[in-house]
């Protein structure tokens, strides 16, 4: 295919991607990154809902008064998401771990201040360290009593949710997906973490430092990794490649930028169109507005309603987003092999199905339990095209 024809195809991809959020299209119209994202977000939400049901915890009714679980107490830990197991709690054993060791083991940073404040860990100088003021990297992290209880709940849940997926989608389908994801991961030259990193400034993903490319842990066999870790590694590899070529993060481009129009979109509609929280939308809009990719103005047709409109710069960035998605998929097809790449897409497309709440098989496991915090917010009509993992607790939609 000529380069001009390929660019045209890539632009069609992003237009189809936006069309899908208006109620048309199918998983075949979605880029690989969106397929990976929707599978990962669905797994995470199902995991989080089950963890919330089983553990004593505190949370809010989404911004309202503090809520204490019926079996809990005021001393229970604050509710967080799967990512906080993957980047922190799985490595905090009985003897504790230093802050520096934790980051090496996790291959990414955690929100250590949050995990201490939320009641999962303590962070203190090592009593055996003779230095008067040891650096934070030498401080020892230990699980609290509540944190140890949560570890007991979280650890087996990866197997529990994967078993549900095998029952829902079929043993052969999940086994094949795992095999294909591992084939993809083996082609990467980075020692990737088991989860997506907490997004940084500009909602950029941060991969492992080059000096950590030589394994800090024993090499993983794909069969020993949770399904969520396999999906996360593949998606992070995609994001890092995208962000090497883009001025904007994949998180911003794939969610908010993707659904905007020059004719305008109401701000209040963006959480529904993107599947991410109001807080994550606000951060994205602030960054895009500062960069002059969009303008926000009052809607002349409706009082107290704000409308977002793409600028010419924003339209160019939106088109580049589509072109980059296609270019990366093509390069991966060359690297992985056309047959394997097509099989990976086909497997993910079967999981995602028609990507709406009414039709996608992924939504079958997302109904929150009674009294779960997600019962207090509107039900999603779509899932994010890239997880919004923020410092707020690592929830995949930025909640």
Protein backbone atom coordinates (compact mmCIF):
# COMPACT_ATOMS: atom_id res chain seq x y z
CA UNK A 1 0.00 0.00 0.00
CA UNK A 2 1.34 3.46 -0.91
CA UNK A 3 2.12 5.82 1.96
CA UNK A 4 -0.61 8.27 0.89
CA UNK A 5 -3.16 5.46 0.81
CA UNK A 6 -2.02 4.27 4.23
CA UNK A 7 -2.41 7.76 5.72
CA UNK A 8 -5.93 7.88 4.30
CA UNK A 9 -6.73 4.52 5.89
CA UNK A 10 -5.39 5.70 9.23
CA UNK A 11 -7.58 8.83 9.10
CA UNK A 12 -10.58 6.63 8.34
CA UNK A 13 -9.70 4.59 11.44
CA UNK A 14 -9.98 7.53 13.81
CA UNK A 15 -13.22 8.69 12.12
CA UNK A 16 -14.68 5.22 12.57
CA UNK A 17 -13.43 5.28 16.15
CA UNK A 18 -15.34 8.50 16.85
CA UNK A 19 -18.41 7.23 15.02
CA UNK A 20 -18.52 4.18 17.26
CA UNK A 21 -19.05 6.41 20.29
CA UNK A 22 -22.10 7.92 18.63
CA UNK A 23 -23.68 4.47 18.68
CA UNK A 24 -22.41 2.89 15.44
CA UNK A 25 -19.52 0.62 14.55
CA UNK A 26 -18.10 -2.56 16.06
CA UNK A 27 -14.95 -3.86 17.68
CA UNK A 28 -13.42 -4.30 14.20
CA UNK A 29 -13.44 -0.49 13.87
CA UNK A 30 -11.46 0.00 17.08
CA UNK A 31 -7.67 0.37 17.18
CA UNK A 32 -5.69 -2.32 18.97
CA UNK A 33 -4.99 0.02 21.89
CA UNK A 34 -8.73 0.54 22.48
CA UNK A 35 -9.41 -3.21 22.35
CA UNK A 36 -6.68 -3.84 24.93
CA UNK A 37 -7.94 -0.95 27.05
CA UNK A 38 -11.55 -2.08 27.15
CA UNK A 39 -10.55 -5.63 28.10
CA UNK A 40 -8.24 -4.34 30.86
CA UNK A 41 -10.76 -1.86 32.24
CA UNK A 42 -13.50 -4.51 32.32
CA UNK A 43 -11.24 -7.01 34.14
CA UNK A 44 -10.19 -4.34 36.63
CA UNK A 45 -13.70 -3.12 37.42
CA UNK A 46 -14.90 -6.70 37.93
CA UNK A 47 -11.89 -7.34 40.20
CA UNK A 48 -12.49 -4.10 42.13
CA UNK A 49 -16.19 -4.82 42.62
CA UNK A 50 -15.44 -8.25 44.09
CA UNK A 51 -12.68 -6.86 46.31
CA UNK A 52 -15.04 -4.17 47.58
CA UNK A 53 -17.65 -6.81 48.43
CA UNK A 54 -15.20 -8.90 50.44
CA UNK A 55 -13.06 -6.36 52.27
CA UNK A 56 -13.71 -4.00 55.14
CA UNK A 57 -13.18 -0.54 53.74
CA UNK A 58 -14.03 3.13 53.78
CA UNK A 59 -14.97 5.23 50.76
CA UNK A 60 -17.28 8.05 49.76
CA UNK A 61 -20.55 7.98 47.97
CA UNK A 62 -18.74 9.63 45.06
CA UNK A 63 -18.10 12.98 46.66
CA UNK A 64 -20.83 12.83 49.30
CA UNK A 65 -20.47 11.92 52.97
CA UNK A 66 -17.97 9.27 54.03
CA UNK A 67 -19.32 5.75 53.75
CA UNK A 68 -18.24 2.82 55.91
CA UNK A 69 -18.86 -0.70 54.59
CA UNK A 70 -21.46 -2.61 56.57
CA UNK A 71 -18.86 -5.06 57.87
CA UNK A 72 -16.22 -2.41 58.27
CA UNK A 73 -15.12 0.13 60.80
CA UNK A 74 -13.70 3.62 60.90
CA UNK A 75 -10.24 2.03 61.02
CA UNK A 76 -10.71 0.09 57.76
CA UNK A 77 -8.54 1.11 54.79
CA UNK A 78 -9.72 3.48 52.10
CA UNK A 79 -10.85 1.69 48.96
CA UNK A 80 -8.35 1.55 46.07
CA UNK A 81 -8.07 -0.31 42.77
CA UNK A 82 -6.21 -3.37 41.43
CA UNK A 83 -3.22 -1.26 40.33
CA UNK A 84 -2.28 -0.62 43.96
CA UNK A 85 -1.79 -4.35 44.48
CA UNK A 86 0.32 -4.59 41.34
CA UNK A 87 2.60 -1.61 42.07
CA UNK A 88 2.77 -1.95 45.86
CA UNK A 89 1.05 -4.52 48.02
CA UNK A 90 2.14 -7.69 46.21
CA UNK A 91 5.75 -6.88 47.16
CA UNK A 92 5.25 -5.91 50.81
CA UNK A 93 5.98 -9.12 52.72
CA UNK A 94 6.19 -9.74 56.46
CA UNK A 95 9.77 -8.45 56.66
CA UNK A 96 8.87 -5.31 54.76
CA UNK A 97 10.64 -3.80 51.78
CA UNK A 98 12.52 -0.54 51.34
CA UNK A 99 11.01 2.17 49.17
CA UNK A 100 13.90 1.83 46.74
CA UNK A 101 13.50 -1.94 46.50
CA UNK A 102 9.75 -1.60 45.97
CA UNK A 103 10.20 0.58 42.90
CA UNK A 104 12.74 -1.85 41.44
CA UNK A 105 10.49 -4.85 42.05
CA UNK A 106 7.35 -3.16 40.75
CA UNK A 107 9.18 -1.58 37.77
CA UNK A 108 7.05 1.51 38.36
CA UNK A 109 6.21 4.02 41.08
CA UNK A 110 3.35 3.68 43.52
CA UNK A 111 1.46 6.39 45.38
CA UNK A 112 3.33 5.67 48.60
CA UNK A 113 1.97 8.68 50.47
CA UNK A 114 -1.53 7.62 49.54
CA UNK A 115 -1.06 3.99 50.51
CA UNK A 116 0.18 5.11 53.93
CA UNK A 117 -2.58 7.68 54.36
CA UNK A 118 -5.25 5.21 53.23
CA UNK A 119 -4.22 2.68 55.87
CA UNK A 120 -2.47 -0.07 53.88
CA UNK A 121 1.17 0.42 54.89
CA UNK A 122 3.49 2.15 57.31
CA UNK A 123 6.65 3.86 56.05
CA UNK A 124 9.41 4.34 58.63
CA UNK A 125 13.20 4.54 58.88
CA UNK A 126 14.87 1.17 59.33
CA UNK A 127 15.84 0.89 63.04
CA UNK A 128 18.98 -0.98 61.97
CA UNK A 129 20.12 1.90 59.73
CA UNK A 130 22.85 3.82 61.62
CA UNK A 131 22.45 7.00 59.55
CA UNK A 132 20.90 10.00 61.29
CA UNK A 133 18.75 10.92 58.28
CA UNK A 134 18.54 7.99 55.86
CA UNK A 135 17.04 8.80 52.45
CA UNK A 136 13.42 7.87 51.81
CA UNK A 137 14.58 5.12 49.44
CA UNK A 138 16.03 3.33 52.51
CA UNK A 139 12.86 3.62 54.62
CA UNK A 140 11.01 0.36 55.23
CA UNK A 141 7.46 -0.23 54.05
CA UNK A 142 5.38 -2.70 56.04
CA UNK A 143 1.76 -3.73 55.63
CA UNK A 144 -0.60 -2.67 58.39
CA UNK A 145 -2.87 -5.24 59.99
CA UNK A 146 -5.65 -4.07 57.68
CA UNK A 147 -3.25 -4.15 54.74
CA UNK A 148 -2.41 -7.79 55.44
CA UNK A 149 -6.11 -8.66 55.49
CA UNK A 150 -6.55 -6.97 52.12
CA UNK A 151 -3.56 -8.86 50.71
CA UNK A 152 -5.29 -12.13 51.63
CA UNK A 153 -8.37 -11.01 49.69
CA UNK A 154 -6.62 -9.51 46.67
CA UNK A 155 -4.10 -12.28 45.93
CA UNK A 156 -6.57 -15.00 44.84
CA UNK A 157 -8.95 -12.61 43.05
CA UNK A 158 -6.93 -12.62 39.82
CA UNK A 159 -7.65 -16.33 39.50
CA UNK A 160 -11.28 -15.85 40.51
CA UNK A 161 -11.95 -13.23 37.82
CA UNK A 162 -10.03 -15.13 35.15
CA UNK A 163 -12.11 -18.24 35.96
CA UNK A 164 -15.25 -16.17 35.41
CA UNK A 165 -13.87 -15.02 32.05
CA UNK A 166 -13.12 -18.62 31.06
CA UNK A 167 -16.71 -19.53 31.90
CA UNK A 168 -18.03 -16.48 30.04
CA UNK A 169 -15.83 -16.56 26.94
CA UNK A 170 -14.60 -20.16 26.92
CA UNK A 171 -11.40 -21.82 28.15
CA UNK A 172 -9.91 -21.98 24.66
CA UNK A 173 -10.56 -18.28 23.97
CA UNK A 174 -8.89 -17.05 27.15
CA UNK A 175 -6.00 -19.49 26.79
CA UNK A 176 -5.42 -18.34 23.20
CA UNK A 177 -5.56 -14.68 24.23
CA UNK A 178 -2.95 -15.30 26.92
CA UNK A 179 -0.71 -17.06 24.39
CA UNK A 180 -1.01 -14.23 21.86
CA UNK A 181 -0.38 -11.52 24.44
CA UNK A 182 2.75 -13.28 25.63
CA UNK A 183 3.98 -13.60 22.04
CA UNK A 184 3.57 -9.82 21.76
CA UNK A 185 5.28 -9.06 25.07
CA UNK A 186 8.26 -11.24 24.23
CA UNK A 187 8.94 -8.99 21.24
CA UNK A 188 9.36 -5.91 23.45
CA UNK A 189 12.79 -4.94 24.77
CA UNK A 190 11.58 -3.43 28.05
CA UNK A 191 11.11 -4.98 31.48
CA UNK A 192 7.50 -3.85 31.80
CA UNK A 193 5.48 -3.70 35.04
CA UNK A 194 2.44 -5.85 35.79
CA UNK A 195 0.16 -2.82 35.59
CA UNK A 196 -0.13 0.50 33.86
CA UNK A 197 1.83 3.26 35.62
CA UNK A 198 0.05 6.05 37.44
CA UNK A 199 -0.16 8.75 34.76
CA UNK A 200 2.17 11.70 35.16
CA UNK A 201 2.14 15.31 33.94
CA UNK A 202 0.14 15.61 30.75
CA UNK A 203 -1.30 12.17 31.58
CA UNK A 204 1.78 10.60 30.02
CA UNK A 205 2.70 6.97 30.63
CA UNK A 206 6.11 6.30 32.12
CA UNK A 207 7.96 3.12 31.29
CA UNK A 208 10.86 1.51 33.12
CA UNK A 209 14.15 3.37 33.14
CA UNK A 210 16.66 2.14 30.52
CA UNK A 211 19.01 0.89 33.25
CA UNK A 212 16.22 -1.39 34.43
CA UNK A 213 15.84 -3.05 31.05
CA UNK A 214 17.95 -5.93 32.40
CA UNK A 215 15.53 -7.90 34.53
CA UNK A 216 15.32 -6.91 38.18
CA UNK A 217 13.30 -10.05 38.84
CA UNK A 218 13.57 -13.52 37.38
CA UNK A 219 12.18 -13.74 33.88
CA UNK A 220 8.41 -14.27 33.92
CA UNK A 221 6.76 -17.11 32.12
CA UNK A 222 3.56 -15.80 30.58
CA UNK A 223 1.58 -18.64 32.17
CA UNK A 224 2.41 -17.32 35.65
CA UNK A 225 1.17 -13.78 35.05
CA UNK A 226 -2.40 -12.66 35.71
CA UNK A 227 -4.38 -11.91 32.56
CA UNK A 228 -4.57 -8.27 33.63
CA UNK A 229 -0.75 -8.09 33.74
CA UNK A 230 -0.45 -9.52 30.23
CA UNK A 231 -2.93 -6.99 28.86
CA UNK A 232 -1.29 -4.15 30.79
CA UNK A 233 2.16 -4.92 29.43
CA UNK A 234 0.91 -5.02 25.85
CA UNK A 235 -1.01 -1.79 26.25
CA UNK A 236 1.87 0.01 27.96
CA UNK A 237 4.24 -1.02 25.17
CA UNK A 238 1.78 0.51 22.69
CA UNK A 239 1.44 3.70 24.74
CA UNK A 240 5.20 4.20 25.07
CA UNK A 241 5.64 3.81 21.32
CA UNK A 242 2.77 6.22 20.64
CA UNK A 243 4.08 8.87 23.03
CA UNK A 244 7.56 8.83 21.50
CA UNK A 245 5.96 10.27 18.35
CA UNK A 246 3.12 12.37 19.77
CA UNK A 247 2.95 15.72 21.55
CA UNK A 248 -0.06 14.43 23.48
CA UNK A 249 -0.41 11.37 25.67
CA UNK A 250 -2.36 8.35 24.50
CA UNK A 251 -4.64 8.78 27.52
CA UNK A 252 -5.72 12.25 26.41
CA UNK A 253 -5.76 11.46 22.69
CA UNK A 254 -7.70 8.20 22.94
CA UNK A 255 -10.36 9.52 25.29
CA UNK A 256 -11.16 13.24 25.26
CA UNK A 257 -9.44 14.44 22.06
CA UNK A 258 -10.93 11.57 20.08
CA UNK A 259 -14.58 12.53 20.67
CA UNK A 260 -14.27 16.29 20.17
CA UNK A 261 -15.60 18.14 17.11
CA UNK A 262 -15.06 21.56 15.62
CA UNK A 263 -18.82 22.10 15.89
CA UNK A 264 -18.61 21.53 19.64
CA UNK A 265 -19.38 18.94 22.29
CA UNK A 266 -20.96 19.73 25.64
CA UNK A 267 -18.58 19.34 28.56
CA UNK A 268 -21.18 17.47 30.58
CA UNK A 269 -21.45 14.84 27.82
CA UNK A 270 -17.74 13.95 27.83
CA UNK A 271 -17.79 11.41 30.70
CA UNK A 272 -20.55 9.49 28.90
CA UNK A 273 -18.82 9.64 25.51
CA UNK A 274 -15.39 8.63 26.84
CA UNK A 275 -16.20 6.31 29.74
CA UNK A 276 -13.85 8.23 32.06
CA UNK A 277 -14.64 10.24 35.17
CA UNK A 278 -15.42 13.94 35.36
CA UNK A 279 -12.15 14.46 37.20
CA UNK A 280 -10.11 12.79 34.45
CA UNK A 281 -12.01 14.76 31.79
CA UNK A 282 -11.28 18.02 33.64
CA UNK A 283 -7.54 17.27 33.78
CA UNK A 284 -7.53 16.43 30.06
CA UNK A 285 -9.45 19.55 29.09
CA UNK A 286 -7.15 21.75 31.15
CA UNK A 287 -4.07 20.39 29.40
CA UNK A 288 -5.64 20.62 25.94
CA UNK A 289 -6.89 24.16 26.57
CA UNK A 290 -3.47 25.28 27.78
CA UNK A 291 -1.95 23.87 24.59
CA UNK A 292 -4.59 25.62 22.45
CA UNK A 293 -5.97 22.39 21.06
CA UNK A 294 -9.48 23.50 21.99
CA UNK A 295 -11.59 26.35 23.29
CA UNK A 296 -14.30 26.17 25.94
CA UNK A 297 -17.18 28.62 25.79
CA UNK A 298 -20.73 29.03 27.00
CA UNK A 299 -23.39 27.32 24.91
CA UNK A 300 -25.62 30.06 23.47
CA UNK A 301 -28.49 27.57 23.25
CA UNK A 302 -28.42 26.48 26.90
CA UNK A 303 -27.77 28.52 30.01
CA UNK A 304 -24.92 27.39 32.29
CA UNK A 305 -23.75 24.83 29.73
CA UNK A 306 -20.16 24.77 28.46
CA UNK A 307 -19.20 23.60 24.99
CA UNK A 308 -15.77 22.39 23.85
CA UNK A 309 -14.65 23.07 20.29
CA UNK A 310 -11.54 21.83 18.55
CA UNK A 311 -9.17 24.42 17.13
CA UNK A 312 -7.28 23.85 13.90
CA UNK A 313 -4.36 22.68 16.01
CA UNK A 314 -6.66 20.26 17.80
CA UNK A 315 -8.01 18.86 14.56
CA UNK A 316 -4.45 18.27 13.34
CA UNK A 317 -3.60 16.49 16.58
CA UNK A 318 -6.73 14.37 16.27
CA UNK A 319 -5.76 13.32 12.75
CA UNK A 320 -2.21 12.54 13.86
CA UNK A 321 -3.64 10.35 16.61
CA UNK A 322 -5.41 8.24 13.98
CA UNK A 323 -2.35 8.08 11.77
CA UNK A 324 -0.11 6.97 14.63
CA UNK A 325 -2.53 4.24 15.70
CA UNK A 326 -2.43 2.77 12.22
CA UNK A 327 1.33 3.15 11.87
CA UNK A 328 2.02 1.38 15.17
CA UNK A 329 -0.37 -1.46 14.36
CA UNK A 330 1.33 -1.90 10.99
CA UNK A 331 4.80 -1.95 12.55
CA UNK A 332 3.62 -4.49 15.13
CA UNK A 333 2.14 -6.61 12.36
CA UNK A 334 5.54 -6.66 10.70
CA UNK A 335 7.30 -7.42 13.99
CA UNK A 336 4.88 -10.01 15.31
CA UNK A 337 3.77 -11.52 12.03
CA UNK A 338 0.53 -10.88 10.19
CA UNK A 339 -1.04 -14.16 11.25
CA UNK A 340 -0.34 -13.66 14.98
CA UNK A 341 -1.38 -9.99 14.95
CA UNK A 342 -4.64 -10.75 13.15
CA UNK A 343 -5.32 -13.56 15.63
CA UNK A 344 -4.72 -11.20 18.58
CA UNK A 345 -7.10 -8.63 17.14
CA UNK A 346 -9.71 -11.28 16.43
CA UNK A 347 -9.52 -12.63 19.97
CA UNK A 348 -9.90 -9.17 21.50
CA UNK A 349 -12.72 -8.30 19.10
CA UNK A 350 -14.68 -11.33 20.28
CA UNK A 351 -14.29 -10.22 23.88
CA UNK A 352 -15.32 -6.63 23.16
CA UNK A 353 -18.08 -7.44 20.67
CA UNK A 354 -20.31 -4.48 19.85
CA UNK A 355 -18.61 -1.97 22.20
CA UNK A 356 -21.68 -0.62 24.00
CA UNK A 357 -23.16 -1.40 27.40
CA UNK A 358 -26.16 -3.12 25.81
CA UNK A 359 -24.20 -5.43 23.50
CA UNK A 360 -20.59 -5.90 24.65
CA UNK A 361 -19.90 -9.19 26.47
CA UNK A 362 -17.43 -7.27 28.67
CA UNK A 363 -20.31 -5.50 30.40
CA UNK A 364 -21.81 -8.76 31.67
CA UNK A 365 -19.48 -8.77 34.66
CA UNK A 366 -19.57 -5.07 35.49
CA UNK A 367 -22.79 -4.81 37.48
CA UNK A 368 -21.75 -3.56 40.94
CA UNK A 369 -22.91 -5.32 44.05
CA UNK A 370 -25.67 -3.64 46.09
CA UNK A 371 -24.19 -0.77 48.13
CA UNK A 372 -21.02 -0.78 46.02
CA UNK A 373 -19.74 2.73 45.33
CA UNK A 374 -20.34 2.37 41.61
CA UNK A 375 -24.08 2.11 42.25
CA UNK A 376 -24.00 5.81 43.16
CA UNK A 377 -22.72 6.98 39.74
CA UNK A 378 -24.28 6.68 36.27
CA UNK A 379 -23.75 3.33 34.59
CA UNK A 380 -21.15 3.57 31.83
CA UNK A 381 -22.32 3.32 28.24
CA UNK A 382 -18.81 2.69 26.92
CA UNK A 383 -15.40 1.81 28.32
CA UNK A 384 -12.29 4.02 28.07
CA UNK A 385 -10.07 3.74 25.01
CA UNK A 386 -7.13 4.08 27.37
CA UNK A 387 -7.27 3.60 31.16
CA UNK A 388 -7.09 6.79 33.22
CA UNK A 389 -4.97 5.50 36.11
CA UNK A 390 -4.59 8.49 38.43
CA UNK A 391 -3.01 9.00 41.85
CA UNK A 392 -6.51 9.01 43.35
CA UNK A 393 -6.41 5.23 43.90
CA UNK A 394 -5.60 3.81 40.49
CA UNK A 395 -9.16 3.23 39.29
CA UNK A 396 -9.13 2.56 35.52
CA UNK A 397 -11.66 5.26 34.64
CA UNK A 398 -10.01 7.95 36.77
CA UNK A 399 -12.68 7.84 39.51
